[in-house]
């Protein structure tokens, strides 16, 4: 697993994580997507999708239109990153789960993501990544975030990975990738 030593990439990720934390705390997101794109061709080569179902919320649930938002400022990522993806949320969480059980589910997901190098094609050349968030239409959106398309992988393979749940959330994971020519 690669860890970035680039201070600009670290600052970019920190800023994204700070905003995600705010949206999660207020139950405003339903999906987080990380898309890895070939820098030379502009083709999307991997798409990691995390579907987030918020199970317990103090606010009343109302139907809201979802906006697909992307953090602007593509960042270079040379080589394989530790991206993650999600898929449609399924069953509800068990509120009686212990913290150890939840941590075990998350650890199993991390192991599966790390093991995905066994089936994902090797990334060749320089790549960039985009972070997309599907947020409620009434979410406060910083100016550096903007509307985006879904950045789907055309004719790609899809693999459903493990999910995990807490008493408040259910997260499902899906990775899509383009097979080499």
C-alpha atoms as a PDB file:
ATOM      1  CA  UNK A   1       0.000   0.000   0.000  1.00  0.00           C
ATOM      2  CA  UNK A   2       1.398   3.373  -0.975  1.00  0.00           C
ATOM      3  CA  UNK A   3       1.309   6.369   1.318  1.00  0.00           C
ATOM      4  CA  UNK A   4       1.661   9.838  -0.135  1.00  0.00           C
ATOM      5  CA  UNK A   5       4.664  11.942   0.821  1.00  0.00           C
ATOM      6  CA  UNK A   6       3.358  14.922  -1.186  1.00  0.00           C
ATOM      7  CA  UNK A   7       2.248  17.708   1.166  1.00  0.00           C
ATOM      8  CA  UNK A   8      -0.230  19.097  -1.398  1.00  0.00           C
ATOM      9  CA  UNK A   9      -1.935  15.715  -1.768  1.00  0.00           C
ATOM     10  CA  UNK A  10      -2.056  15.337   2.018  1.00  0.00           C
ATOM     11  CA  UNK A  11      -3.612  18.818   2.374  1.00  0.00           C
ATOM     12  CA  UNK A  12      -6.136  18.033  -0.393  1.00  0.00           C
ATOM     13  CA  UNK A  13      -7.197  14.790   1.312  1.00  0.00           C
ATOM     14  CA  UNK A  14      -7.373  16.482   4.728  1.00  0.00           C
ATOM     15  CA  UNK A  15      -9.668  19.159   3.300  1.00  0.00           C
ATOM     16  CA  UNK A  16     -11.909  16.546   1.658  1.00  0.00           C
ATOM     17  CA  UNK A  17     -12.063  14.470   4.856  1.00  0.00           C
ATOM     18  CA  UNK A  18     -13.004  17.537   6.891  1.00  0.00           C
ATOM     19  CA  UNK A  19     -15.929  18.279   4.567  1.00  0.00           C
ATOM     20  CA  UNK A  20     -16.991  14.623   4.489  1.00  0.00           C
ATOM     21  CA  UNK A  21     -17.028  14.583   8.283  1.00  0.00           C
ATOM     22  CA  UNK A  22     -19.419  17.565   8.317  1.00  0.00           C
ATOM     23  CA  UNK A  23     -21.745  15.964   5.769  1.00  0.00           C
ATOM     24  CA  UNK A  24     -21.687  12.615   7.574  1.00  0.00           C
ATOM     25  CA  UNK A  25     -22.403  14.222  10.951  1.00  0.00           C
ATOM     26  CA  UNK A  26     -25.509  15.835   9.445  1.00  0.00           C
ATOM     27  CA  UNK A  27     -26.601  12.767   7.460  1.00  0.00           C
ATOM     28  CA  UNK A  28     -26.208  14.542   4.129  1.00  0.00           C
ATOM     29  CA  UNK A  29     -24.423  11.978   1.959  1.00  0.00           C
ATOM     30  CA  UNK A  30     -25.477   8.704   0.411  1.00  0.00           C
ATOM     31  CA  UNK A  31     -22.413   7.785  -1.635  1.00  0.00           C
ATOM     32  CA  UNK A  32     -18.672   8.448  -1.776  1.00  0.00           C
ATOM     33  CA  UNK A  33     -16.808   7.600  -4.979  1.00  0.00           C
ATOM     34  CA  UNK A  34     -13.092   7.693  -5.777  1.00  0.00           C
ATOM     35  CA  UNK A  35     -12.274   7.575  -9.479  1.00  0.00           C
ATOM     36  CA  UNK A  36      -8.769   6.875 -10.762  1.00  0.00           C
ATOM     37  CA  UNK A  37      -8.161   8.309 -14.222  1.00  0.00           C
ATOM     38  CA  UNK A  38      -5.303   7.777 -16.671  1.00  0.00           C
ATOM     39  CA  UNK A  39      -3.624  11.179 -16.879  1.00  0.00           C
ATOM     40  CA  UNK A  40      -2.599  10.788 -20.537  1.00  0.00           C
ATOM     41  CA  UNK A  41      -5.836   9.422 -22.019  1.00  0.00           C
ATOM     42  CA  UNK A  42      -8.396  10.800 -19.552  1.00  0.00           C
ATOM     43  CA  UNK A  43      -9.973   7.349 -19.378  1.00  0.00           C
ATOM     44  CA  UNK A  44     -11.392   6.260 -16.028  1.00  0.00           C
ATOM     45  CA  UNK A  45      -9.623   3.041 -15.058  1.00  0.00           C
ATOM     46  CA  UNK A  46     -10.929   2.338 -11.531  1.00  0.00           C
ATOM     47  CA  UNK A  47     -14.002   3.522  -9.661  1.00  0.00           C
ATOM     48  CA  UNK A  48     -14.357   2.763  -5.961  1.00  0.00           C
ATOM     49  CA  UNK A  49     -17.881   3.359  -4.682  1.00  0.00           C
ATOM     50  CA  UNK A  50     -18.958   3.459  -1.041  1.00  0.00           C
ATOM     51  CA  UNK A  51     -22.736   3.547  -0.567  1.00  0.00           C
ATOM     52  CA  UNK A  52     -23.664   5.016   2.793  1.00  0.00           C
ATOM     53  CA  UNK A  53     -27.020   4.350   4.363  1.00  0.00           C
ATOM     54  CA  UNK A  54     -27.667   6.444   7.445  1.00  0.00           C
ATOM     55  CA  UNK A  55     -29.841   4.320   9.702  1.00  0.00           C
ATOM     56  CA  UNK A  56     -30.337   6.457  12.791  1.00  0.00           C
ATOM     57  CA  UNK A  57     -30.748  10.175  12.540  1.00  0.00           C
ATOM     58  CA  UNK A  58     -32.250  12.765  14.836  1.00  0.00           C
ATOM     59  CA  UNK A  59     -33.626  14.675  11.875  1.00  0.00           C
ATOM     60  CA  UNK A  60     -36.702  13.447  10.074  1.00  0.00           C
ATOM     61  CA  UNK A  61     -35.987  11.776   6.776  1.00  0.00           C
ATOM     62  CA  UNK A  62     -37.412  13.643   3.858  1.00  0.00           C
ATOM     63  CA  UNK A  63     -37.106  12.816   0.182  1.00  0.00           C
ATOM     64  CA  UNK A  64     -34.350  14.891  -1.295  1.00  0.00           C
ATOM     65  CA  UNK A  65     -32.744  15.158  -4.674  1.00  0.00           C
ATOM     66  CA  UNK A  66     -29.148  13.967  -4.671  1.00  0.00           C
ATOM     67  CA  UNK A  67     -26.382  16.065  -6.148  1.00  0.00           C
ATOM     68  CA  UNK A  68     -23.210  14.502  -7.504  1.00  0.00           C
ATOM     69  CA  UNK A  69     -20.393  16.722  -6.299  1.00  0.00           C
ATOM     70  CA  UNK A  70     -16.705  16.505  -7.063  1.00  0.00           C
ATOM     71  CA  UNK A  71     -13.806  18.086  -5.248  1.00  0.00           C
ATOM     72  CA  UNK A  72     -12.026  20.227  -7.794  1.00  0.00           C
ATOM     73  CA  UNK A  73      -8.297  20.087  -8.318  1.00  0.00           C
ATOM     74  CA  UNK A  74      -7.291  16.683  -9.682  1.00  0.00           C
ATOM     75  CA  UNK A  75      -4.293  15.322  -7.829  1.00  0.00           C
ATOM     76  CA  UNK A  76      -1.623  13.113  -9.351  1.00  0.00           C
ATOM     77  CA  UNK A  77      -1.349   9.623  -8.008  1.00  0.00           C
ATOM     78  CA  UNK A  78       1.508   7.701  -9.577  1.00  0.00           C
ATOM     79  CA  UNK A  79       0.915   4.027  -8.949  1.00  0.00           C
ATOM     80  CA  UNK A  80      -1.657   2.051  -7.055  1.00  0.00           C
ATOM     81  CA  UNK A  81      -3.413   3.888  -4.258  1.00  0.00           C
ATOM     82  CA  UNK A  82      -5.462   2.631  -1.377  1.00  0.00           C
ATOM     83  CA  UNK A  83      -8.731   3.741  -2.956  1.00  0.00           C
ATOM     84  CA  UNK A  84     -12.004   2.336  -1.751  1.00  0.00           C
ATOM     85  CA  UNK A  85     -15.478   1.817  -3.227  1.00  0.00           C
ATOM     86  CA  UNK A  86     -19.080   1.164  -2.214  1.00  0.00           C
ATOM     87  CA  UNK A  87     -22.224  -0.415  -3.546  1.00  0.00           C
ATOM     88  CA  UNK A  88     -25.929  -0.214  -2.866  1.00  0.00           C
ATOM     89  CA  UNK A  89     -26.782  -0.343   0.805  1.00  0.00           C
ATOM     90  CA  UNK A  90     -28.628  -3.474   1.737  1.00  0.00           C
ATOM     91  CA  UNK A  91     -29.693  -4.691   5.154  1.00  0.00           C
ATOM     92  CA  UNK A  92     -29.934  -2.558   8.258  1.00  0.00           C
ATOM     93  CA  UNK A  93     -27.374  -2.645  11.029  1.00  0.00           C
ATOM     94  CA  UNK A  94     -27.699  -4.566  14.247  1.00  0.00           C
ATOM     95  CA  UNK A  95     -27.773  -2.020  17.081  1.00  0.00           C
ATOM     96  CA  UNK A  96     -26.464  -4.635  19.523  1.00  0.00           C
ATOM     97  CA  UNK A  97     -23.077  -4.951  17.787  1.00  0.00           C
ATOM     98  CA  UNK A  98     -20.082  -4.361  19.955  1.00  0.00           C
ATOM     99  CA  UNK A  99     -17.324  -1.962  18.978  1.00  0.00           C
ATOM    100  CA  UNK A 100     -15.004  -4.959  18.501  1.00  0.00           C
ATOM    101  CA  UNK A 101     -17.454  -6.562  16.039  1.00  0.00           C
ATOM    102  CA  UNK A 102     -17.716  -3.321  14.059  1.00  0.00           C
ATOM    103  CA  UNK A 103     -13.940  -2.931  13.998  1.00  0.00           C
ATOM    104  CA  UNK A 104     -13.590  -6.537  12.809  1.00  0.00           C
ATOM    105  CA  UNK A 105     -15.986  -5.845   9.909  1.00  0.00           C
ATOM    106  CA  UNK A 106     -14.022  -2.727   8.933  1.00  0.00           C
ATOM    107  CA  UNK A 107     -10.714  -4.618   9.184  1.00  0.00           C
ATOM    108  CA  UNK A 108     -12.118  -7.370   6.938  1.00  0.00           C
ATOM    109  CA  UNK A 109     -13.086  -4.730   4.366  1.00  0.00           C
ATOM    110  CA  UNK A 110      -9.597  -3.186   4.516  1.00  0.00           C
ATOM    111  CA  UNK A 111      -8.046  -6.634   4.007  1.00  0.00           C
ATOM    112  CA  UNK A 112     -10.289  -7.228   1.009  1.00  0.00           C
ATOM    113  CA  UNK A 113      -9.421  -3.836  -0.509  1.00  0.00           C
ATOM    114  CA  UNK A 114      -5.712  -4.534   0.012  1.00  0.00           C
ATOM    115  CA  UNK A 115      -6.111  -7.992  -1.555  1.00  0.00           C
ATOM    116  CA  UNK A 116      -7.840  -6.487  -4.606  1.00  0.00           C
ATOM    117  CA  UNK A 117      -4.413  -6.108  -6.231  1.00  0.00           C
ATOM    118  CA  UNK A 118      -4.747  -9.809  -7.078  1.00  0.00           C
ATOM    119  CA  UNK A 119      -7.544  -9.122  -9.589  1.00  0.00           C
ATOM    120  CA  UNK A 120      -7.265  -5.431 -10.509  1.00  0.00           C
ATOM    121  CA  UNK A 121      -5.193  -4.630 -13.583  1.00  0.00           C
ATOM    122  CA  UNK A 122      -1.857  -2.932 -12.881  1.00  0.00           C
ATOM    123  CA  UNK A 123      -2.070   0.831 -13.341  1.00  0.00           C
ATOM    124  CA  UNK A 124       0.360   1.979 -16.016  1.00  0.00           C
ATOM    125  CA  UNK A 125       1.606   5.543 -16.268  1.00  0.00           C
ATOM    126  CA  UNK A 126       0.541   8.571 -14.298  1.00  0.00           C
ATOM    127  CA  UNK A 127      -2.956   8.682 -12.827  1.00  0.00           C
ATOM    128  CA  UNK A 128      -5.098  11.303 -11.150  1.00  0.00           C
ATOM    129  CA  UNK A 129      -8.001  10.802  -8.806  1.00  0.00           C
ATOM    130  CA  UNK A 130     -11.308  12.539  -8.195  1.00  0.00           C
ATOM    131  CA  UNK A 131     -13.496  12.314  -5.129  1.00  0.00           C
ATOM    132  CA  UNK A 132     -17.231  12.428  -5.803  1.00  0.00           C
ATOM    133  CA  UNK A 133     -19.899  12.731  -3.149  1.00  0.00           C
ATOM    134  CA  UNK A 134     -23.611  12.198  -3.612  1.00  0.00           C
ATOM    135  CA  UNK A 135     -25.060  14.739  -1.182  1.00  0.00           C
ATOM    136  CA  UNK A 136     -28.581  15.893  -0.379  1.00  0.00           C
ATOM    137  CA  UNK A 137     -29.699  18.838  -2.499  1.00  0.00           C
ATOM    138  CA  UNK A 138     -29.993  21.045   0.599  1.00  0.00           C
ATOM    139  CA  UNK A 139     -26.363  20.451   1.666  1.00  0.00           C
ATOM    140  CA  UNK A 140     -24.008  23.365   2.212  1.00  0.00           C
ATOM    141  CA  UNK A 141     -21.424  22.931  -0.542  1.00  0.00           C
ATOM    142  CA  UNK A 142     -18.059  24.735  -0.426  1.00  0.00           C
ATOM    143  CA  UNK A 143     -17.167  26.740  -3.557  1.00  0.00           C
ATOM    144  CA  UNK A 144     -14.269  24.410  -4.393  1.00  0.00           C
ATOM    145  CA  UNK A 145     -16.733  21.550  -4.915  1.00  0.00           C
ATOM    146  CA  UNK A 146     -18.742  21.458  -8.135  1.00  0.00           C
ATOM    147  CA  UNK A 147     -21.210  19.346 -10.076  1.00  0.00           C
ATOM    148  CA  UNK A 148     -19.831  16.337 -11.890  1.00  0.00           C
ATOM    149  CA  UNK A 149     -20.926  13.394 -13.966  1.00  0.00           C
ATOM    150  CA  UNK A 150     -20.757   9.928 -12.384  1.00  0.00           C
ATOM    151  CA  UNK A 151     -17.408   9.057 -14.047  1.00  0.00           C
ATOM    152  CA  UNK A 152     -18.549   5.498 -14.702  1.00  0.00           C
ATOM    153  CA  UNK A 153     -16.194   2.876 -16.158  1.00  0.00           C
ATOM    154  CA  UNK A 154     -17.371   2.144 -19.698  1.00  0.00           C
ATOM    155  CA  UNK A 155     -17.639  -1.619 -20.346  1.00  0.00           C
ATOM    156  CA  UNK A 156     -15.910  -2.299 -17.034  1.00  0.00           C
ATOM    157  CA  UNK A 157     -15.919  -5.208 -14.649  1.00  0.00           C
ATOM    158  CA  UNK A 158     -17.620  -4.804 -11.272  1.00  0.00           C
ATOM    159  CA  UNK A 159     -16.824  -6.562  -8.009  1.00  0.00           C
ATOM    160  CA  UNK A 160     -18.968  -6.235  -4.897  1.00  0.00           C
ATOM    161  CA  UNK A 161     -16.763  -6.084  -1.802  1.00  0.00           C
ATOM    162  CA  UNK A 162     -17.649  -6.464   1.856  1.00  0.00           C
ATOM    163  CA  UNK A 163     -19.645  -3.897   3.727  1.00  0.00           C
ATOM    164  CA  UNK A 164     -19.906  -2.994   7.378  1.00  0.00           C
ATOM    165  CA  UNK A 165     -22.487  -1.498   9.688  1.00  0.00           C
ATOM    166  CA  UNK A 166     -22.695   0.382  12.932  1.00  0.00           C
ATOM    167  CA  UNK A 167     -25.797   1.282  14.885  1.00  0.00           C
ATOM    168  CA  UNK A 168     -25.987   4.468  12.765  1.00  0.00           C
ATOM    169  CA  UNK A 169     -24.631   3.540   9.329  1.00  0.00           C
ATOM    170  CA  UNK A 170     -24.442   0.784   6.768  1.00  0.00           C
ATOM    171  CA  UNK A 171     -21.650   1.009   4.170  1.00  0.00           C
ATOM    172  CA  UNK A 172     -21.453  -1.200   1.071  1.00  0.00           C
ATOM    173  CA  UNK A 173     -18.451  -1.295  -1.255  1.00  0.00           C
ATOM    174  CA  UNK A 174     -18.138  -1.797  -5.010  1.00  0.00           C
ATOM    175  CA  UNK A 175     -15.141  -1.504  -7.303  1.00  0.00           C
ATOM    176  CA  UNK A 176     -15.418  -1.103 -11.062  1.00  0.00           C
ATOM    177  CA  UNK A 177     -12.394  -1.345 -13.286  1.00  0.00           C
ATOM    178  CA  UNK A 178     -11.402  -1.390 -16.920  1.00  0.00           C
ATOM    179  CA  UNK A 179      -9.723  -4.484 -18.223  1.00  0.00           C
ATOM    180  CA  UNK A 180      -6.605  -3.950 -20.324  1.00  0.00           C
ATOM    181  CA  UNK A 181      -6.972  -4.041 -24.112  1.00  0.00           C
END
